[in-house]
Every structure is written in structure tokens, then in C-alpha cells.
Amino acid sequence: MDDDARQRPLDVQFARAVDEFARWRAVPEQERSPAPAWWWGAAFDLRKVREPMPEAWCAILQLAEGATYVDGAKVFLDSLADQTSLSWPGDFPRRAAHADSA
């Protein structure tokens, strides 16, 4: 069975994060919401897996072909590292227009 057909549950979560990352990065930076906190789980789960990611994921994450899950997890962790706030519900991938209640 080839690698694409043999997905682990963690791969499925990471695949979702990769797809969301592509949508998020497509939004101009000044209009982009903060990175969603739910990416932490997928990134932490695979941050030590040294297997290569699928080529399509490497491209989406702007990594070289053959990059590992370690490299992919770093992209997510780096996008979250300096954040001081969380996205509002419904505020992904673009900042929603709403009044700040704080």
C-alpha cells in the first residue's frame, strides 16, 4: 500500500491544518485573522516525526520537496509563536468586522 493510501489519524488532522493554512495564507496579511489555536494540536502531535510529508503539503507550506513532518510542524508553531490573542469565532481565515467587547 502506498503512503497516500495509508493515512494515520494524525495525518488526517495535519491534512486539515495544511488545507486551512493554504486558505489563511491566501488572505492578505493585514486582513488575516490570527492563526487558529487548533493548529497547535496537529503540530505538536507530529513535531518529532521525521518521515517526509506528501509533496503537495510541502508546496502548500512553502517547504522544499522531501520536507518532513518536523519541518511542517515548525511552520505551524512559528505562525502561532508570537500571537498574543486568539481568533474570534467565525474570524477565520479573514478578520471579521465586529465590535471588540474587551
N, C-alpha and C. Protein backbone atom coordinates (compact mmCIF):
# COMPACT_ATOMS: atom_id res chain seq x y z
N MET A 1 0.85 -1.17 0.00
CA MET A 1 0.00 0.00 0.00
C MET A 1 0.90 1.24 0.00
N ASP A 2 0.62 2.22 -0.86
CA ASP A 2 1.47 3.39 -0.93
C ASP A 2 1.14 4.37 0.21
N ASP A 3 2.02 5.35 0.40
CA ASP A 3 1.89 6.29 1.51
C ASP A 3 0.60 7.10 1.46
N ASP A 4 0.15 7.46 0.25
CA ASP A 4 -1.07 8.27 0.15
C ASP A 4 -2.30 7.50 0.60
N ALA A 5 -2.32 6.20 0.37
CA ALA A 5 -3.47 5.39 0.74
C ALA A 5 -3.46 5.01 2.21
N ARG A 6 -2.30 5.08 2.84
CA ARG A 6 -2.13 4.66 4.23
C ARG A 6 -2.01 5.89 5.12
N GLN A 7 -3.13 6.46 5.50
CA GLN A 7 -3.09 7.65 6.34
C GLN A 7 -3.38 7.28 7.78
N ARG A 8 -2.55 7.80 8.67
CA ARG A 8 -2.78 7.65 10.10
C ARG A 8 -3.76 8.74 10.54
N PRO A 9 -4.43 8.56 11.67
CA PRO A 9 -5.34 9.60 12.15
C PRO A 9 -4.66 10.96 12.30
N LEU A 10 -3.39 10.99 12.73
CA LEU A 10 -2.68 12.25 12.87
C LEU A 10 -2.48 12.92 11.52
N ASP A 11 -2.28 12.11 10.47
CA ASP A 11 -2.13 12.66 9.13
C ASP A 11 -3.40 13.39 8.70
N VAL A 12 -4.54 12.84 9.06
CA VAL A 12 -5.82 13.44 8.69
C VAL A 12 -5.96 14.81 9.36
N GLN A 13 -5.62 14.90 10.64
CA GLN A 13 -5.67 16.18 11.34
C GLN A 13 -4.68 17.17 10.73
N PHE A 14 -3.50 16.68 10.39
CA PHE A 14 -2.49 17.55 9.81
C PHE A 14 -2.91 17.99 8.41
N ALA A 15 -3.54 17.10 7.65
CA ALA A 15 -4.03 17.44 6.32
C ALA A 15 -5.05 18.57 6.41
N ARG A 16 -5.92 18.50 7.39
CA ARG A 16 -6.92 19.57 7.59
C ARG A 16 -6.21 20.89 7.88
N ALA A 17 -5.20 20.84 8.75
CA ALA A 17 -4.46 22.05 9.08
C ALA A 17 -3.74 22.61 7.86
N VAL A 18 -3.18 21.75 7.03
CA VAL A 18 -2.49 22.20 5.81
C VAL A 18 -3.48 22.89 4.88
N ASP A 19 -4.65 22.31 4.69
CA ASP A 19 -5.68 22.92 3.85
C ASP A 19 -6.11 24.28 4.41
N GLU A 20 -6.30 24.36 5.72
CA GLU A 20 -6.68 25.62 6.34
C GLU A 20 -5.56 26.65 6.22
N PHE A 21 -4.33 26.19 6.34
CA PHE A 21 -3.18 27.09 6.22
C PHE A 21 -3.15 27.73 4.83
N ALA A 22 -3.45 26.94 3.81
CA ALA A 22 -3.48 27.47 2.45
C ALA A 22 -4.55 28.56 2.32
N ARG A 23 -5.72 28.33 2.88
CA ARG A 23 -6.79 29.34 2.84
C ARG A 23 -6.39 30.59 3.61
N TRP A 24 -5.77 30.40 4.76
CA TRP A 24 -5.35 31.50 5.62
C TRP A 24 -4.28 32.35 4.94
N ARG A 25 -3.28 31.70 4.34
CA ARG A 25 -2.20 32.42 3.66
C ARG A 25 -2.67 33.14 2.41
N ALA A 26 -3.79 32.73 1.84
CA ALA A 26 -4.33 33.37 0.64
C ALA A 26 -4.93 34.74 0.95
N VAL A 27 -5.22 34.99 2.22
CA VAL A 27 -5.79 36.28 2.65
C VAL A 27 -4.63 37.26 2.85
N PRO A 28 -4.74 38.48 2.35
CA PRO A 28 -3.68 39.47 2.60
C PRO A 28 -3.39 39.58 4.10
N GLU A 29 -2.12 39.72 4.44
CA GLU A 29 -1.70 39.66 5.84
C GLU A 29 -2.44 40.64 6.74
N GLN A 30 -2.68 41.86 6.28
CA GLN A 30 -3.36 42.86 7.10
C GLN A 30 -4.82 42.52 7.35
N GLU A 31 -5.39 41.63 6.54
CA GLU A 31 -6.80 41.22 6.69
C GLU A 31 -6.93 39.84 7.34
N ARG A 32 -5.81 39.16 7.50
CA ARG A 32 -5.79 37.79 8.00
C ARG A 32 -6.06 37.74 9.50
N SER A 33 -6.85 36.77 9.91
CA SER A 33 -7.08 36.56 11.34
C SER A 33 -5.80 36.01 11.98
N PRO A 34 -5.71 36.07 13.31
CA PRO A 34 -4.61 35.36 13.95
C PRO A 34 -4.70 33.87 13.60
N ALA A 35 -3.58 33.20 13.58
CA ALA A 35 -3.59 31.77 13.30
C ALA A 35 -4.46 31.07 14.33
N PRO A 36 -5.25 30.09 13.91
CA PRO A 36 -6.16 29.44 14.85
C PRO A 36 -5.43 28.52 15.83
N ALA A 37 -5.85 28.56 17.07
CA ALA A 37 -5.22 27.77 18.12
C ALA A 37 -5.30 26.27 17.87
N TRP A 38 -6.30 25.82 17.13
CA TRP A 38 -6.45 24.38 16.92
C TRP A 38 -5.31 23.80 16.09
N TRP A 39 -4.48 24.64 15.47
CA TRP A 39 -3.31 24.11 14.75
C TRP A 39 -2.25 23.56 15.70
N TRP A 40 -2.24 24.03 16.94
CA TRP A 40 -1.24 23.56 17.90
C TRP A 40 -1.27 22.04 18.04
N GLY A 41 -2.46 21.47 18.14
CA GLY A 41 -2.58 20.03 18.36
C GLY A 41 -1.93 19.22 17.26
N ALA A 42 -2.26 19.52 16.02
CA ALA A 42 -1.69 18.79 14.89
C ALA A 42 -0.18 18.99 14.83
N ALA A 43 0.27 20.20 15.08
CA ALA A 43 1.71 20.48 15.03
C ALA A 43 2.46 19.74 16.14
N PHE A 44 1.94 19.77 17.36
CA PHE A 44 2.62 19.09 18.46
C PHE A 44 2.61 17.58 18.29
N ASP A 45 1.53 17.03 17.76
CA ASP A 45 1.45 15.59 17.58
C ASP A 45 2.50 15.07 16.61
N LEU A 46 2.87 15.89 15.62
CA LEU A 46 3.80 15.41 14.58
C LEU A 46 5.15 16.12 14.60
N ARG A 47 5.44 16.88 15.63
CA ARG A 47 6.66 17.69 15.66
C ARG A 47 7.95 16.88 15.76
N LYS A 48 7.86 15.59 16.03
CA LYS A 48 9.06 14.75 16.11
C LYS A 48 9.08 13.65 15.06
N VAL A 49 8.12 13.68 14.14
CA VAL A 49 8.03 12.64 13.10
C VAL A 49 8.90 13.06 11.92
N ARG A 50 9.94 12.30 11.69
CA ARG A 50 10.93 12.64 10.66
C ARG A 50 10.64 12.02 9.30
N GLU A 51 9.43 11.53 9.10
CA GLU A 51 9.04 10.99 7.79
C GLU A 51 8.74 12.14 6.84
N PRO A 52 8.99 11.95 5.55
CA PRO A 52 8.66 13.01 4.59
C PRO A 52 7.15 13.19 4.46
N MET A 53 6.76 14.44 4.27
CA MET A 53 5.35 14.76 4.03
C MET A 53 5.05 14.58 2.54
N PRO A 54 3.77 14.46 2.18
CA PRO A 54 3.41 14.43 0.76
C PRO A 54 3.91 15.72 0.07
N GLU A 55 4.30 15.59 -1.17
CA GLU A 55 4.84 16.72 -1.92
C GLU A 55 3.87 17.90 -1.96
N ALA A 56 2.59 17.64 -2.11
CA ALA A 56 1.61 18.72 -2.16
C ALA A 56 1.61 19.53 -0.87
N TRP A 57 1.76 18.87 0.26
CA TRP A 57 1.80 19.57 1.54
C TRP A 57 3.05 20.43 1.64
N CYS A 58 4.17 19.91 1.16
CA CYS A 58 5.42 20.68 1.16
C CYS A 58 5.22 21.97 0.39
N ALA A 59 4.59 21.87 -0.76
CA ALA A 59 4.36 23.05 -1.61
C ALA A 59 3.46 24.06 -0.90
N ILE A 60 2.37 23.59 -0.30
CA ILE A 60 1.43 24.49 0.39
C ILE A 60 2.12 25.20 1.54
N LEU A 61 2.98 24.49 2.26
CA LEU A 61 3.66 25.08 3.41
C LEU A 61 4.93 25.81 3.01
N GLN A 62 5.19 25.91 1.70
CA GLN A 62 6.35 26.58 1.14
C GLN A 62 7.65 25.98 1.66
N LEU A 63 7.68 24.66 1.65
CA LEU A 63 8.87 23.91 2.07
C LEU A 63 9.41 23.15 0.87
N ALA A 64 10.66 22.78 0.93
CA ALA A 64 11.28 22.02 -0.15
C ALA A 64 10.67 20.62 -0.23
N GLU A 65 10.65 20.09 -1.43
CA GLU A 65 10.19 18.71 -1.63
C GLU A 65 11.01 17.79 -0.74
N GLY A 66 10.35 16.85 -0.08
CA GLY A 66 11.03 15.94 0.83
C GLY A 66 11.09 16.43 2.26
N ALA A 67 10.50 17.60 2.53
CA ALA A 67 10.46 18.10 3.91
C ALA A 67 9.70 17.11 4.79
N THR A 68 10.05 17.07 6.05
CA THR A 68 9.45 16.12 6.98
C THR A 68 8.32 16.78 7.77
N TYR A 69 7.61 15.94 8.51
CA TYR A 69 6.57 16.46 9.40
C TYR A 69 7.17 17.41 10.42
N VAL A 70 8.41 17.18 10.83
CA VAL A 70 9.10 18.10 11.74
C VAL A 70 9.11 19.50 11.13
N ASP A 71 9.47 19.58 9.85
CA ASP A 71 9.52 20.87 9.15
C ASP A 71 8.13 21.49 9.05
N GLY A 72 7.14 20.67 8.73
CA GLY A 72 5.77 21.17 8.62
C GLY A 72 5.24 21.67 9.95
N ALA A 73 5.51 20.92 11.01
CA ALA A 73 5.06 21.32 12.34
C ALA A 73 5.69 22.66 12.72
N LYS A 74 6.93 22.87 12.34
CA LYS A 74 7.61 24.13 12.65
C LYS A 74 6.90 25.31 11.97
N VAL A 75 6.42 25.13 10.76
CA VAL A 75 5.68 26.19 10.07
C VAL A 75 4.48 26.61 10.92
N PHE A 76 3.73 25.64 11.41
CA PHE A 76 2.55 25.95 12.23
C PHE A 76 2.94 26.58 13.56
N LEU A 77 3.91 26.01 14.22
CA LEU A 77 4.32 26.54 15.52
C LEU A 77 4.87 27.95 15.38
N ASP A 78 5.62 28.22 14.31
CA ASP A 78 6.14 29.57 14.07
C ASP A 78 5.01 30.56 13.81
N SER A 79 3.95 30.12 13.13
CA SER A 79 2.84 31.03 12.84
C SER A 79 2.07 31.38 14.11
N LEU A 80 2.19 30.57 15.13
CA LEU A 80 1.45 30.78 16.37
C LEU A 80 2.31 31.39 17.48
N ALA A 81 3.61 31.33 17.35
CA ALA A 81 4.53 31.64 18.45
C ALA A 81 4.39 33.04 19.03
N ASP A 82 4.24 34.04 18.22
CA ASP A 82 4.23 35.42 18.71
C ASP A 82 2.83 35.98 18.95
N GLN A 83 1.83 35.17 18.80
CA GLN A 83 0.47 35.67 18.97
C GLN A 83 0.17 35.97 20.43
N THR A 84 -0.57 37.05 20.63
CA THR A 84 -0.98 37.43 21.98
C THR A 84 -2.49 37.35 22.16
N SER A 85 -3.20 36.96 21.10
CA SER A 85 -4.65 36.83 21.20
C SER A 85 -5.12 35.68 20.31
N LEU A 86 -6.33 35.25 20.53
CA LEU A 86 -6.93 34.19 19.74
C LEU A 86 -7.92 34.79 18.75
N SER A 87 -8.20 34.03 17.71
CA SER A 87 -9.21 34.46 16.74
C SER A 87 -10.59 34.46 17.40
N TRP A 88 -11.44 35.36 16.95
CA TRP A 88 -12.85 35.32 17.35
C TRP A 88 -13.52 34.17 16.62
N PRO A 89 -14.62 33.62 17.19
CA PRO A 89 -15.36 32.60 16.45
C PRO A 89 -15.82 33.17 15.10
N GLY A 90 -15.68 32.41 14.07
CA GLY A 90 -16.06 32.85 12.75
C GLY A 90 -15.09 33.84 12.13
N ASP A 91 -13.94 34.01 12.74
CA ASP A 91 -12.94 35.00 12.32
C ASP A 91 -11.78 34.34 11.59
N PHE A 92 -12.07 33.30 10.84
CA PHE A 92 -11.02 32.58 10.13
C PHE A 92 -11.48 32.33 8.71
N PRO A 93 -10.68 32.54 7.74
CA PRO A 93 -9.28 32.94 7.76
C PRO A 93 -9.09 34.45 7.71
N ARG A 94 -10.20 35.19 7.59
CA ARG A 94 -10.14 36.66 7.48
C ARG A 94 -10.76 37.27 8.72
N ARG A 95 -10.18 38.36 9.17
CA ARG A 95 -10.75 39.07 10.34
C ARG A 95 -12.19 39.47 10.01
N ALA A 96 -13.09 39.16 10.91
CA ALA A 96 -14.48 39.57 10.73
C ALA A 96 -14.65 41.00 11.22
N ALA A 97 -15.57 41.71 10.66
CA ALA A 97 -15.88 43.06 11.12
C ALA A 97 -16.83 42.94 12.30
N HIS A 98 -16.36 43.30 13.49
CA HIS A 98 -17.19 43.25 14.70
C HIS A 98 -16.64 44.23 15.71
N ALA A 99 -17.46 44.58 16.67
CA ALA A 99 -17.03 45.46 17.75
C ALA A 99 -16.29 44.62 18.78
N ASP A 100 -15.18 45.12 19.28
CA ASP A 100 -14.42 44.43 20.31
C ASP A 100 -15.08 44.70 21.66
N SER A 101 -15.49 43.65 22.34
CA SER A 101 -16.19 43.80 23.61
C SER A 101 -15.25 43.97 24.78
N ALA A 102 -13.94 43.86 24.55
CA ALA A 102 -12.98 43.97 25.66
C ALA A 102 -12.79 45.39 26.11
